[in-house]
Amino acid sequence: MVSVSSGRRAESGEALLRRMAARRRRDNVVVVVLAILAVFGGGHAIVDAFSQPPSGPSENSTVSLIGRSQLVESFAQEFIVRYLSAAAGQQDRILEFVGGAPQATLPTTGRQVVDPIVVYVSREAASGGVDVWSVTVSIRIVRKTSAIADDSRQCYQVAVAVIEGRLRALSLPAVVEPPSHGPDLALDYRATCAADTPLAQVAAGFLQALLTGTGDIARYTTPNSGIATLRPAPFTSVETTMVNADNSSCGASGSTARILVSVNPKLDGTGTPTLTYPLAMILAAGQWQVRSVDSVPALKLPLTAGSMQSPGGAAAPSTSATSKSPVSAAQVPQATQN
């Protein structure tokens, strides 16, 4: 009995020593890891290593942010229109918007400001119950000095603070450069289809039924497309002028296709501007059918931007910096999520 008891105590002591040695090894590993984090990332790295990743914005916070954005846009539009249309002695008209109103020099006669449009808004800072926004508003100023009306637009930028739901401009507006026009993105259509090709025939019949109400639209669409004739019909006739497709055979082969259709619609014999429709099509039971009217044309992937175009339609001339190594297209990087 004694020898058995002594053996058990010896075995328990050895197991305890092994556990203690293993714990020391784990502790040493933890110390080494913390030391590395401290050297390369500082204290924040140590805290981040043991903390949960921050949660994304909640639905309520997103809705609240959109609401404040709309509130700021409305305020900025009203302020800029009121300010630009004010005349000398009318500083009180803008005093409710900005504290610098008494120092503003106003023209003898107020200008007629019309058609305000918010073209850009961003939240620049936030702290506690205070948000600071930057808003750019595009407006038209009616000029009476010329017999020809000037319909050009100007952009004005103003900073707006939202303090616990109350709004105030931080300064008077400034004229800024309007948003610039960018290059064209490359579309993914490789063939131009003649009027007698399968894709062009189905597209012409589909758009005729969609836009004029003549013909059976179900003949041209898949059963589950959910596409219905527009009511009331916006046009009385439609002429298809061009069909571009990613299907190089224009429907003679293959089972799917994306096409871009250009049409010249008319209303009671009077022409209207050309329209284009991106369509997704599928071959079912030997018949091409429209599966959907897409919201954007088919884009070449990866997204590729072409050369800048001048207002006349020709490519803009190369600058001296680019003339040595001309670039016809530039890839647009993939979008990333913050």
C-alpha atoms as a PDB file:
ATOM      1  CA  MET A   1       0.000   0.000   0.000  1.00  0.00           C
ATOM      2  CA  VAL A   2       2.816   2.384   0.868  1.00  0.00           C
ATOM      3  CA  SER A   3       4.746   1.729  -2.298  1.00  0.00           C
ATOM      4  CA  VAL A   4       1.641   2.254  -4.412  1.00  0.00           C
ATOM      5  CA  SER A   5       0.831   5.560  -2.743  1.00  0.00           C
ATOM      6  CA  SER A   6       4.404   6.768  -3.161  1.00  0.00           C
ATOM      7  CA  GLY A   7       4.339   5.940  -6.873  1.00  0.00           C
ATOM      8  CA  ARG A   8       1.201   7.958  -7.422  1.00  0.00           C
ATOM      9  CA  ARG A   9       2.651  10.963  -5.652  1.00  0.00           C
ATOM     10  CA  ALA A  10       5.777  10.736  -7.806  1.00  0.00           C
ATOM     11  CA  GLU A  11       3.699  10.507 -10.981  1.00  0.00           C
ATOM     12  CA  SER A  12       1.571  13.516  -9.940  1.00  0.00           C
ATOM     13  CA  GLY A  13       4.693  15.568  -9.246  1.00  0.00           C
ATOM     14  CA  GLU A  14       6.144  14.803 -12.669  1.00  0.00           C
ATOM     15  CA  ALA A  15       2.857  15.774 -14.392  1.00  0.00           C
ATOM     16  CA  LEU A  16       2.775  19.029 -12.460  1.00  0.00           C
ATOM     17  CA  LEU A  17       6.335  19.819 -13.531  1.00  0.00           C
ATOM     18  CA  ARG A  18       5.432  19.141 -17.172  1.00  0.00           C
ATOM     19  CA  ARG A  19       2.403  21.429 -16.974  1.00  0.00           C
ATOM     20  CA  MET A  20       4.461  24.181 -15.371  1.00  0.00           C
ATOM     21  CA  ALA A  21       7.115  23.874 -18.094  1.00  0.00           C
ATOM     22  CA  ALA A  22       4.451  24.038 -20.844  1.00  0.00           C
ATOM     23  CA  ARG A  23       2.903  27.120 -19.250  1.00  0.00           C
ATOM     24  CA  ARG A  24       6.287  28.830 -19.107  1.00  0.00           C
ATOM     25  CA  ARG A  25       6.783  28.118 -22.822  1.00  0.00           C
ATOM     26  CA  ARG A  26       3.376  29.612 -23.656  1.00  0.00           C
ATOM     27  CA  ASP A  27       4.105  32.658 -21.522  1.00  0.00           C
ATOM     28  CA  ASN A  28       7.436  33.118 -23.286  1.00  0.00           C
ATOM     29  CA  VAL A  29       5.743  32.951 -26.682  1.00  0.00           C
ATOM     30  CA  VAL A  30       3.183  35.579 -25.617  1.00  0.00           C
ATOM     31  CA  VAL A  31       5.947  37.874 -24.361  1.00  0.00           C
ATOM     32  CA  VAL A  32       7.851  37.522 -27.651  1.00  0.00           C
ATOM     33  CA  VAL A  33       4.700  38.291 -29.691  1.00  0.00           C
ATOM     34  CA  LEU A  34       3.884  41.352 -27.580  1.00  0.00           C
ATOM     35  CA  ALA A  35       7.469  42.580 -27.918  1.00  0.00           C
ATOM     36  CA  ILE A  36       7.327  42.272 -31.715  1.00  0.00           C
ATOM     37  CA  LEU A  37       3.998  44.108 -31.862  1.00  0.00           C
ATOM     38  CA  ALA A  38       5.357  46.847 -29.621  1.00  0.00           C
ATOM     39  CA  VAL A  39       8.461  47.309 -31.792  1.00  0.00           C
ATOM     40  CA  PHE A  40       6.703  47.380 -35.160  1.00  0.00           C
ATOM     41  CA  GLY A  41       3.284  48.764 -34.339  1.00  0.00           C
ATOM     42  CA  GLY A  42       3.469  50.504 -30.997  1.00  0.00           C
ATOM     43  CA  GLY A  43       0.902  50.215 -28.247  1.00  0.00           C
ATOM     44  CA  HIS A  44      -2.014  50.432 -30.674  1.00  0.00           C
ATOM     45  CA  ALA A  45      -0.914  47.188 -32.324  1.00  0.00           C
ATOM     46  CA  ILE A  46      -1.021  45.374 -28.971  1.00  0.00           C
ATOM     47  CA  VAL A  47      -4.497  46.694 -28.224  1.00  0.00           C
ATOM     48  CA  ASP A  48      -5.718  45.858 -31.751  1.00  0.00           C
ATOM     49  CA  ALA A  49      -4.386  42.297 -31.464  1.00  0.00           C
ATOM     50  CA  PHE A  50      -6.810  41.575 -28.607  1.00  0.00           C
ATOM     51  CA  SER A  51      -9.752  43.733 -29.699  1.00  0.00           C
ATOM     52  CA  GLN A  52     -12.662  42.904 -31.965  1.00  0.00           C
ATOM     53  CA  PRO A  53     -12.814  44.602 -35.408  1.00  0.00           C
ATOM     54  CA  PRO A  54     -15.034  47.690 -35.426  1.00  0.00           C
ATOM     55  CA  SER A  55     -18.581  47.088 -36.543  1.00  0.00           C
ATOM     56  CA  GLY A  56     -19.844  48.693 -39.729  1.00  0.00           C
ATOM     57  CA  PRO A  57     -22.349  51.528 -39.798  1.00  0.00           C
ATOM     58  CA  SER A  58     -25.807  50.570 -38.614  1.00  0.00           C
ATOM     59  CA  GLU A  59     -28.946  51.080 -40.643  1.00  0.00           C
ATOM     60  CA  ASN A  60     -30.101  53.826 -38.281  1.00  0.00           C
ATOM     61  CA  SER A  61     -26.803  55.734 -38.512  1.00  0.00           C
ATOM     62  CA  THR A  62     -26.823  55.483 -42.317  1.00  0.00           C
ATOM     63  CA  VAL A  63     -30.384  56.790 -42.553  1.00  0.00           C
ATOM     64  CA  SER A  64     -29.522  59.615 -40.157  1.00  0.00           C
ATOM     65  CA  LEU A  65     -26.450  60.561 -42.199  1.00  0.00           C
ATOM     66  CA  ILE A  66     -28.484  60.655 -45.427  1.00  0.00           C
ATOM     67  CA  GLY A  67     -31.089  62.815 -43.708  1.00  0.00           C
ATOM     68  CA  ARG A  68     -28.477  65.319 -42.526  1.00  0.00           C
ATOM     69  CA  SER A  69     -26.977  65.388 -46.014  1.00  0.00           C
ATOM     70  CA  GLN A  70     -30.336  66.302 -47.549  1.00  0.00           C
ATOM     71  CA  LEU A  71     -30.883  68.943 -44.875  1.00  0.00           C
ATOM     72  CA  VAL A  72     -27.485  70.512 -45.591  1.00  0.00           C
ATOM     73  CA  GLU A  73     -28.097  70.470 -49.362  1.00  0.00           C
ATOM     74  CA  SER A  74     -31.419  72.301 -48.982  1.00  0.00           C
ATOM     75  CA  PHE A  75     -29.844  74.885 -46.680  1.00  0.00           C
ATOM     76  CA  ALA A  76     -26.903  75.511 -49.017  1.00  0.00           C
ATOM     77  CA  GLN A  77     -29.149  75.927 -52.061  1.00  0.00           C
ATOM     78  CA  GLU A  78     -31.376  78.450 -50.324  1.00  0.00           C
ATOM     79  CA  PHE A  79     -28.422  80.365 -48.882  1.00  0.00           C
ATOM     80  CA  ILE A  80     -26.548  80.672 -52.192  1.00  0.00           C
ATOM     81  CA  VAL A  81     -29.641  81.733 -54.138  1.00  0.00           C
ATOM     82  CA  ARG A  82     -30.597  84.255 -51.438  1.00  0.00           C
ATOM     83  CA  TYR A  83     -27.049  85.625 -51.246  1.00  0.00           C
ATOM     84  CA  LEU A  84     -26.425  85.996 -54.990  1.00  0.00           C
ATOM     85  CA  SER A  85     -29.803  87.647 -55.587  1.00  0.00           C
ATOM     86  CA  ALA A  86     -29.445  90.162 -52.720  1.00  0.00           C
ATOM     87  CA  ALA A  87     -28.841  93.870 -53.399  1.00  0.00           C
ATOM     88  CA  ALA A  88     -27.093  96.595 -51.402  1.00  0.00           C
ATOM     89  CA  GLY A  89     -28.775  97.183 -48.075  1.00  0.00           C
ATOM     90  CA  GLN A  90     -30.239  93.684 -47.941  1.00  0.00           C
ATOM     91  CA  GLN A  91     -27.666  92.130 -45.635  1.00  0.00           C
ATOM     92  CA  ASP A  92     -30.496  91.121 -43.332  1.00  0.00           C
ATOM     93  CA  ARG A  93     -31.681  88.658 -45.992  1.00  0.00           C
ATOM     94  CA  ILE A  94     -28.587  86.545 -45.441  1.00  0.00           C
ATOM     95  CA  LEU A  95     -27.963  87.229 -41.765  1.00  0.00           C
ATOM     96  CA  GLU A  96     -29.973  84.148 -40.815  1.00  0.00           C
ATOM     97  CA  PHE A  97     -27.566  81.965 -42.812  1.00  0.00           C
ATOM     98  CA  VAL A  98     -24.094  83.287 -41.940  1.00  0.00           C
ATOM     99  CA  GLY A  99     -22.467  85.483 -39.335  1.00  0.00           C
ATOM    100  CA  GLY A 100     -20.330  87.416 -41.858  1.00  0.00           C
ATOM    101  CA  ALA A 101     -23.329  89.001 -43.573  1.00  0.00           C
ATOM    102  CA  PRO A 102     -22.743  92.566 -42.261  1.00  0.00           C
ATOM    103  CA  GLN A 103     -19.259  92.625 -43.862  1.00  0.00           C
ATOM    104  CA  ALA A 104     -20.535  91.468 -47.274  1.00  0.00           C
ATOM    105  CA  THR A 105     -20.469  93.959 -50.146  1.00  0.00           C
ATOM    106  CA  LEU A 106     -23.575  93.553 -52.264  1.00  0.00           C
ATOM    107  CA  PRO A 107     -24.263  94.940 -55.778  1.00  0.00           C
ATOM    108  CA  THR A 108     -26.592  97.863 -56.406  1.00  0.00           C
ATOM    109  CA  THR A 109     -29.076  95.603 -58.158  1.00  0.00           C
ATOM    110  CA  GLY A 110     -29.700  92.015 -57.217  1.00  0.00           C
ATOM    111  CA  ARG A 111     -29.235  89.335 -59.853  1.00  0.00           C
ATOM    112  CA  GLN A 112     -31.825  86.796 -60.967  1.00  0.00           C
ATOM    113  CA  VAL A 113     -30.618  83.350 -59.896  1.00  0.00           C
ATOM    114  CA  VAL A 114     -32.446  80.263 -61.168  1.00  0.00           C
ATOM    115  CA  ASP A 115     -32.201  76.469 -61.372  1.00  0.00           C
ATOM    116  CA  PRO A 116     -29.997  75.640 -58.351  1.00  0.00           C
ATOM    117  CA  ILE A 117     -28.643  72.074 -58.336  1.00  0.00           C
ATOM    118  CA  VAL A 118     -26.419  70.443 -55.725  1.00  0.00           C
ATOM    119  CA  VAL A 119     -23.557  68.820 -57.643  1.00  0.00           C
ATOM    120  CA  TYR A 120     -21.408  67.636 -54.724  1.00  0.00           C
ATOM    121  CA  VAL A 121     -21.653  67.257 -50.958  1.00  0.00           C
ATOM    122  CA  SER A 122     -19.238  65.745 -48.448  1.00  0.00           C
ATOM    123  CA  ARG A 123     -18.913  65.590 -44.677  1.00  0.00           C
ATOM    124  CA  GLU A 124     -15.534  67.100 -43.820  1.00  0.00           C
ATOM    125  CA  ALA A 125     -15.511  66.770 -40.014  1.00  0.00           C
ATOM    126  CA  ALA A 126     -17.585  65.390 -37.143  1.00  0.00           C
ATOM    127  CA  SER A 127     -17.171  65.780 -33.388  1.00  0.00           C
ATOM    128  CA  GLY A 128     -19.810  65.102 -30.805  1.00  0.00           C
ATOM    129  CA  GLY A 129     -23.019  66.755 -31.944  1.00  0.00           C
ATOM    130  CA  VAL A 130     -21.332  68.874 -34.639  1.00  0.00           C
ATOM    131  CA  ASP A 131     -20.953  67.982 -38.326  1.00  0.00           C
ATOM    132  CA  VAL A 132     -19.187  70.148 -40.918  1.00  0.00           C
ATOM    133  CA  TRP A 133     -20.170  69.723 -44.557  1.00  0.00           C
ATOM    134  CA  SER A 134     -18.921  71.121 -47.856  1.00  0.00           C
ATOM    135  CA  VAL A 135     -21.607  71.707 -50.492  1.00  0.00           C
ATOM    136  CA  THR A 136     -21.166  72.736 -54.132  1.00  0.00           C
ATOM    137  CA  VAL A 137     -24.225  74.207 -55.865  1.00  0.00           C
ATOM    138  CA  SER A 138     -24.553  74.887 -59.593  1.00  0.00           C
ATOM    139  CA  ILE A 139     -26.777  77.852 -60.560  1.00  0.00           C
ATOM    140  CA  ARG A 140     -27.754  79.929 -63.557  1.00  0.00           C
ATOM    141  CA  ILE A 141     -27.635  83.730 -63.396  1.00  0.00           C
ATOM    142  CA  VAL A 142     -29.971  85.489 -65.851  1.00  0.00           C
ATOM    143  CA  ARG A 143     -28.013  88.288 -67.550  1.00  0.00           C
ATOM    144  CA  LYS A 144     -30.016  91.166 -69.017  1.00  0.00           C
ATOM    145  CA  THR A 145     -27.119  93.074 -70.599  1.00  0.00           C
ATOM    146  CA  SER A 146     -27.304  91.079 -73.830  1.00  0.00           C
ATOM    147  CA  ALA A 147     -30.093  90.394 -76.263  1.00  0.00           C
ATOM    148  CA  ILE A 148     -29.037  86.731 -76.234  1.00  0.00           C
ATOM    149  CA  ALA A 149     -29.772  84.848 -73.043  1.00  0.00           C
ATOM    150  CA  ASP A 150     -26.715  83.428 -71.293  1.00  0.00           C
ATOM    151  CA  ASP A 151     -27.556  79.955 -70.007  1.00  0.00           C
ATOM    152  CA  SER A 152     -24.078  79.066 -68.699  1.00  0.00           C
ATOM    153  CA  ARG A 153     -23.809  77.738 -65.175  1.00  0.00           C
ATOM    154  CA  GLN A 154     -21.556  78.698 -62.264  1.00  0.00           C
ATOM    155  CA  CYS A 155     -20.619  76.605 -59.234  1.00  0.00           C
ATOM    156  CA  TYR A 156     -20.487  78.030 -55.708  1.00  0.00           C
ATOM    157  CA  GLN A 157     -19.117  76.208 -52.690  1.00  0.00           C
ATOM    158  CA  VAL A 158     -20.032  76.826 -49.054  1.00  0.00           C
ATOM    159  CA  ALA A 159     -19.183  75.143 -45.753  1.00  0.00           C
ATOM    160  CA  VAL A 160     -22.149  74.349 -43.509  1.00  0.00           C
ATOM    161  CA  ALA A 161     -22.138  73.283 -39.863  1.00  0.00           C
ATOM    162  CA  VAL A 162     -24.879  71.131 -38.356  1.00  0.00           C
ATOM    163  CA  ILE A 163     -24.958  71.744 -34.615  1.00  0.00           C
ATOM    164  CA  GLU A 164     -27.457  69.458 -32.872  1.00  0.00           C
ATOM    165  CA  GLY A 165     -29.794  69.715 -35.829  1.00  0.00           C
ATOM    166  CA  ARG A 166     -29.353  73.473 -36.409  1.00  0.00           C
ATOM    167  CA  LEU A 167     -27.564  74.761 -39.509  1.00  0.00           C
ATOM    168  CA  ARG A 168     -25.162  77.645 -40.061  1.00  0.00           C
ATOM    169  CA  ALA A 169     -22.820  78.581 -42.911  1.00  0.00           C
ATOM    170  CA  LEU A 170     -19.215  79.031 -41.787  1.00  0.00           C
ATOM    171  CA  SER A 171     -18.424  81.717 -44.372  1.00  0.00           C
ATOM    172  CA  LEU A 172     -19.701  83.415 -47.499  1.00  0.00           C
ATOM    173  CA  PRO A 173     -19.795  81.287 -50.701  1.00  0.00           C
ATOM    174  CA  ALA A 174     -16.890  80.962 -53.143  1.00  0.00           C
ATOM    175  CA  VAL A 175     -16.951  80.416 -56.911  1.00  0.00           C
ATOM    176  CA  VAL A 176     -15.263  77.104 -57.752  1.00  0.00           C
ATOM    177  CA  GLU A 177     -14.491  75.120 -60.876  1.00  0.00           C
ATOM    178  CA  PRO A 178     -17.411  72.949 -62.026  1.00  0.00           C
ATOM    179  CA  PRO A 179     -17.022  69.162 -62.087  1.00  0.00           C
ATOM    180  CA  SER A 180     -14.954  68.195 -65.111  1.00  0.00           C
ATOM    181  CA  HIS A 181     -16.042  65.745 -67.791  1.00  0.00           C
ATOM    182  CA  GLY A 182     -14.209  62.438 -67.840  1.00  0.00           C
ATOM    183  CA  PRO A 183     -13.165  60.029 -70.595  1.00  0.00           C
ATOM    184  CA  ASP A 184     -15.408  57.314 -72.004  1.00  0.00           C
ATOM    185  CA  LEU A 185     -15.375  53.830 -70.505  1.00  0.00           C
ATOM    186  CA  ALA A 186     -14.818  51.041 -73.014  1.00  0.00           C
ATOM    187  CA  LEU A 187     -18.010  49.104 -73.787  1.00  0.00           C
ATOM    188  CA  ASP A 188     -17.991  45.353 -74.350  1.00  0.00           C
ATOM    189  CA  TYR A 189     -19.702  45.174 -77.753  1.00  0.00           C
ATOM    190  CA  ARG A 190     -17.665  43.566 -80.510  1.00  0.00           C
ATOM    191  CA  ALA A 191     -20.032  43.415 -83.486  1.00  0.00           C
ATOM    192  CA  THR A 192     -22.462  45.677 -85.344  1.00  0.00           C
ATOM    193  CA  CYS A 193     -25.523  43.668 -86.370  1.00  0.00           C
ATOM    194  CA  ALA A 194     -27.395  44.188 -89.634  1.00  0.00           C
ATOM    195  CA  ALA A 195     -31.164  44.660 -89.592  1.00  0.00           C
ATOM    196  CA  ASP A 196     -31.854  41.120 -90.836  1.00  0.00           C
ATOM    197  CA  THR A 197     -29.831  39.333 -88.113  1.00  0.00           C
ATOM    198  CA  PRO A 198     -31.686  37.461 -85.344  1.00  0.00           C
ATOM    199  CA  LEU A 199     -30.637  39.826 -82.545  1.00  0.00           C
ATOM    200  CA  ALA A 200     -31.538  42.975 -84.494  1.00  0.00           C
ATOM    201  CA  GLN A 201     -34.947  41.611 -85.518  1.00  0.00           C
ATOM    202  CA  VAL A 202     -35.937  40.673 -81.977  1.00  0.00           C
ATOM    203  CA  ALA A 203     -34.608  43.984 -80.590  1.00  0.00           C
ATOM    204  CA  ALA A 204     -36.579  46.014 -83.147  1.00  0.00           C
ATOM    205  CA  GLY A 205     -39.826  44.178 -82.434  1.00  0.00           C
ATOM    206  CA  PHE A 206     -39.304  44.391 -78.678  1.00  0.00           C
ATOM    207  CA  LEU A 207     -38.683  48.155 -78.609  1.00  0.00           C
ATOM    208  CA  GLN A 208     -41.569  48.791 -80.996  1.00  0.00           C
ATOM    209  CA  ALA A 209     -43.898  47.000 -78.575  1.00  0.00           C
ATOM    210  CA  LEU A 210     -42.331  48.570 -75.484  1.00  0.00           C
ATOM    211  CA  LEU A 211     -42.417  52.198 -76.662  1.00  0.00           C
ATOM    212  CA  THR A 212     -45.478  52.354 -78.922  1.00  0.00           C
ATOM    213  CA  GLY A 213     -47.799  49.680 -77.523  1.00  0.00           C
ATOM    214  CA  THR A 214     -48.135  47.971 -80.916  1.00  0.00           C
ATOM    215  CA  GLY A 215     -47.498  44.242 -81.055  1.00  0.00           C
ATOM    216  CA  ASP A 216     -47.331  41.598 -78.325  1.00  0.00           C
ATOM    217  CA  ILE A 217     -44.350  42.288 -76.078  1.00  0.00           C
ATOM    218  CA  ALA A 218     -44.600  38.788 -74.544  1.00  0.00           C
ATOM    219  CA  ARG A 219     -43.524  37.396 -77.921  1.00  0.00           C
ATOM    220  CA  TYR A 220     -40.095  39.016 -77.439  1.00  0.00           C
ATOM    221  CA  THR A 221     -39.477  38.509 -73.700  1.00  0.00           C
ATOM    222  CA  THR A 222     -38.790  35.595 -71.358  1.00  0.00           C
ATOM    223  CA  PRO A 223     -41.785  34.502 -69.236  1.00  0.00           C
ATOM    224  CA  ASN A 224     -40.216  35.726 -65.975  1.00  0.00           C
ATOM    225  CA  SER A 225     -38.763  39.021 -67.271  1.00  0.00           C
ATOM    226  CA  GLY A 226     -41.495  41.189 -65.749  1.00  0.00           C
ATOM    227  CA  ILE A 227     -41.209  43.629 -68.683  1.00  0.00           C
ATOM    228  CA  ALA A 228     -44.455  45.323 -69.726  1.00  0.00           C
ATOM    229  CA  THR A 229     -45.406  47.859 -72.372  1.00  0.00           C
ATOM    230  CA  LEU A 230     -45.043  51.473 -71.212  1.00  0.00           C
ATOM    231  CA  ARG A 231     -48.417  53.060 -70.434  1.00  0.00           C
ATOM    232  CA  PRO A 232     -49.321  55.474 -71.812  1.00  0.00           C
ATOM    233  CA  ALA A 233     -47.176  54.812 -74.863  1.00  0.00           C
ATOM    234  CA  PRO A 234     -44.613  57.657 -75.127  1.00  0.00           C
ATOM    235  CA  PHE A 235     -44.209  57.371 -78.929  1.00  0.00           C
ATOM    236  CA  THR A 236     -46.198  56.456 -82.030  1.00  0.00           C
ATOM    237  CA  SER A 237     -43.367  54.888 -84.034  1.00  0.00           C
ATOM    238  CA  VAL A 238     -39.771  53.719 -83.526  1.00  0.00           C
ATOM    239  CA  GLU A 239     -36.971  53.252 -86.054  1.00  0.00           C
ATOM    240  CA  THR A 240     -34.032  51.070 -85.051  1.00  0.00           C
ATOM    241  CA  THR A 241     -30.806  52.620 -86.323  1.00  0.00           C
ATOM    242  CA  MET A 242     -27.999  50.494 -84.816  1.00  0.00           C
ATOM    243  CA  VAL A 243     -27.542  47.264 -82.894  1.00  0.00           C
ATOM    244  CA  ASN A 244     -24.175  46.460 -81.270  1.00  0.00           C
ATOM    245  CA  ALA A 245     -23.624  43.074 -79.648  1.00  0.00           C
ATOM    246  CA  ASP A 246     -21.060  41.115 -77.652  1.00  0.00           C
ATOM    247  CA  ASN A 247     -22.155  38.090 -79.709  1.00  0.00           C
ATOM    248  CA  SER A 248     -19.983  38.304 -82.815  1.00  0.00           C
ATOM    249  CA  SER A 249     -22.423  36.182 -84.851  1.00  0.00           C
ATOM    250  CA  CYS A 250     -25.335  38.544 -84.013  1.00  0.00           C
ATOM    251  CA  GLY A 251     -27.458  35.580 -82.925  1.00  0.00           C
ATOM    252  CA  ALA A 252     -26.554  33.002 -85.566  1.00  0.00           C
ATOM    253  CA  SER A 253     -24.839  31.012 -82.815  1.00  0.00           C
ATOM    254  CA  GLY A 254     -24.475  31.110 -79.063  1.00  0.00           C
ATOM    255  CA  SER A 255     -27.128  31.091 -76.349  1.00  0.00           C
ATOM    256  CA  THR A 256     -26.720  34.490 -74.620  1.00  0.00           C
ATOM    257  CA  ALA A 257     -26.064  38.009 -75.809  1.00  0.00           C
ATOM    258  CA  ARG A 258     -25.809  41.546 -74.546  1.00  0.00           C
ATOM    259  CA  ILE A 259     -26.736  44.217 -77.055  1.00  0.00           C
ATOM    260  CA  LEU A 260     -26.974  47.995 -77.220  1.00  0.00           C
ATOM    261  CA  VAL A 261     -29.812  49.250 -79.427  1.00  0.00           C
ATOM    262  CA  SER A 262     -30.122  52.809 -80.773  1.00  0.00           C
ATOM    263  CA  VAL A 263     -33.587  53.954 -81.880  1.00  0.00           C
ATOM    264  CA  ASN A 264     -35.083  57.122 -83.339  1.00  0.00           C
ATOM    265  CA  PRO A 265     -38.593  57.435 -81.871  1.00  0.00           C
ATOM    266  CA  LYS A 266     -41.308  59.688 -83.276  1.00  0.00           C
ATOM    267  CA  LEU A 267     -44.455  61.171 -81.763  1.00  0.00           C
ATOM    268  CA  ASP A 268     -47.243  61.849 -84.275  1.00  0.00           C
ATOM    269  CA  GLY A 269     -44.675  62.078 -87.055  1.00  0.00           C
ATOM    270  CA  THR A 270     -42.375  64.478 -85.193  1.00  0.00           C
ATOM    271  CA  GLY A 271     -38.869  63.265 -84.518  1.00  0.00           C
ATOM    272  CA  THR A 272     -37.422  63.103 -81.018  1.00  0.00           C
ATOM    273  CA  PRO A 273     -33.822  62.561 -79.791  1.00  0.00           C
ATOM    274  CA  THR A 274     -32.166  59.176 -80.275  1.00  0.00           C
ATOM    275  CA  LEU A 275     -32.446  56.716 -77.376  1.00  0.00           C
ATOM    276  CA  THR A 276     -30.283  53.698 -76.531  1.00  0.00           C
ATOM    277  CA  TYR A 277     -31.301  50.537 -74.669  1.00  0.00           C
ATOM    278  CA  PRO A 278     -28.880  47.945 -73.189  1.00  0.00           C
ATOM    279  CA  LEU A 279     -30.606  44.556 -73.439  1.00  0.00           C
ATOM    280  CA  ALA A 280     -29.685  41.117 -72.114  1.00  0.00           C
ATOM    281  CA  MET A 281     -30.947  38.325 -74.368  1.00  0.00           C
ATOM    282  CA  ILE A 282     -31.142  34.545 -74.204  1.00  0.00           C
ATOM    283  CA  LEU A 283     -31.875  31.811 -76.724  1.00  0.00           C
ATOM    284  CA  ALA A 284     -34.804  29.641 -75.579  1.00  0.00           C
ATOM    285  CA  ALA A 285     -36.483  26.937 -77.689  1.00  0.00           C
ATOM    286  CA  GLY A 286     -34.747  28.275 -80.792  1.00  0.00           C
ATOM    287  CA  GLN A 287     -36.037  31.837 -80.269  1.00  0.00           C
ATOM    288  CA  TRP A 288     -34.042  34.839 -79.024  1.00  0.00           C
ATOM    289  CA  GLN A 289     -35.834  36.622 -76.179  1.00  0.00           C
ATOM    290  CA  VAL A 290     -35.156  39.703 -74.058  1.00  0.00           C
ATOM    291  CA  ARG A 291     -34.365  38.715 -70.488  1.00  0.00           C
ATOM    292  CA  SER A 292     -33.891  42.239 -69.079  1.00  0.00           C
ATOM    293  CA  VAL A 293     -33.445  45.908 -69.881  1.00  0.00           C
ATOM    294  CA  ASP A 294     -30.160  46.627 -68.114  1.00  0.00           C
ATOM    295  CA  SER A 295     -29.435  49.801 -66.185  1.00  0.00           C
ATOM    296  CA  VAL A 296     -25.955  50.208 -67.713  1.00  0.00           C
ATOM    297  CA  PRO A 297     -24.395  49.035 -70.987  1.00  0.00           C
ATOM    298  CA  ALA A 298     -22.053  46.045 -70.983  1.00  0.00           C
ATOM    299  CA  LEU A 299     -18.623  47.230 -69.824  1.00  0.00           C
ATOM    300  CA  LYS A 300     -15.268  45.764 -70.742  1.00  0.00           C
ATOM    301  CA  LEU A 301     -13.533  44.251 -67.696  1.00  0.00           C
ATOM    302  CA  PRO A 302     -11.270  45.315 -66.174  1.00  0.00           C
ATOM    303  CA  LEU A 303     -12.832  48.747 -66.526  1.00  0.00           C
ATOM    304  CA  THR A 304     -10.880  50.740 -69.091  1.00  0.00           C
ATOM    305  CA  ALA A 305     -11.031  54.507 -69.700  1.00  0.00           C
ATOM    306  CA  GLY A 306     -10.388  55.748 -73.224  1.00  0.00           C
ATOM    307  CA  SER A 307      -8.766  58.970 -74.415  1.00  0.00           C
ATOM    308  CA  MET A 308     -10.278  62.288 -73.395  1.00  0.00           C
ATOM    309  CA  GLN A 309     -12.510  63.825 -76.049  1.00  0.00           C
ATOM    310  CA  SER A 310     -12.595  67.510 -76.930  1.00  0.00           C
ATOM    311  CA  PRO A 311     -16.000  69.277 -77.122  1.00  0.00           C
ATOM    312  CA  GLY A 312     -15.937  68.864 -80.909  1.00  0.00           C
ATOM    313  CA  GLY A 313     -15.720  65.087 -80.584  1.00  0.00           C
ATOM    314  CA  ALA A 314     -12.076  64.578 -81.559  1.00  0.00           C
ATOM    315  CA  ALA A 315      -9.508  63.264 -79.142  1.00  0.00           C
ATOM    316  CA  ALA A 316      -7.918  65.990 -77.090  1.00  0.00           C
ATOM    317  CA  PRO A 317      -4.363  66.842 -78.189  1.00  0.00           C
ATOM    318  CA  SER A 318      -1.581  65.256 -76.205  1.00  0.00           C
ATOM    319  CA  THR A 319       0.390  67.447 -73.875  1.00  0.00           C
ATOM    320  CA  SER A 320       4.164  67.577 -73.966  1.00  0.00           C
ATOM    321  CA  ALA A 321       4.293  65.305 -70.945  1.00  0.00           C
ATOM    322  CA  THR A 322       2.375  62.536 -72.709  1.00  0.00           C
ATOM    323  CA  SER A 323       3.451  62.971 -76.318  1.00  0.00           C
ATOM    324  CA  LYS A 324       6.649  60.961 -75.782  1.00  0.00           C
ATOM    325  CA  SER A 325       4.763  57.874 -74.653  1.00  0.00           C
ATOM    326  CA  PRO A 326       1.129  58.109 -75.785  1.00  0.00           C
ATOM    327  CA  VAL A 327      -1.416  56.043 -73.893  1.00  0.00           C
ATOM    328  CA  SER A 328      -4.687  55.211 -75.640  1.00  0.00           C
ATOM    329  CA  ALA A 329      -6.422  53.753 -72.616  1.00  0.00           C
ATOM    330  CA  ALA A 330      -6.020  53.547 -68.867  1.00  0.00           C
ATOM    331  CA  GLN A 331      -7.353  50.814 -66.620  1.00  0.00           C
ATOM    332  CA  VAL A 332      -9.676  51.930 -63.840  1.00  0.00           C
ATOM    333  CA  PRO A 333      -8.731  50.212 -60.565  1.00  0.00           C
ATOM    334  CA  GLN A 334     -11.207  48.010 -58.780  1.00  0.00           C
ATOM    335  CA  ALA A 335     -13.336  49.722 -56.149  1.00  0.00           C
ATOM    336  CA  THR A 336     -12.307  49.122 -52.556  1.00  0.00           C
ATOM    337  CA  GLN A 337     -14.361  49.247 -49.376  1.00  0.00           C
ATOM    338  CA  ASN A 338     -13.151  51.350 -46.487  1.00  0.00           C
END
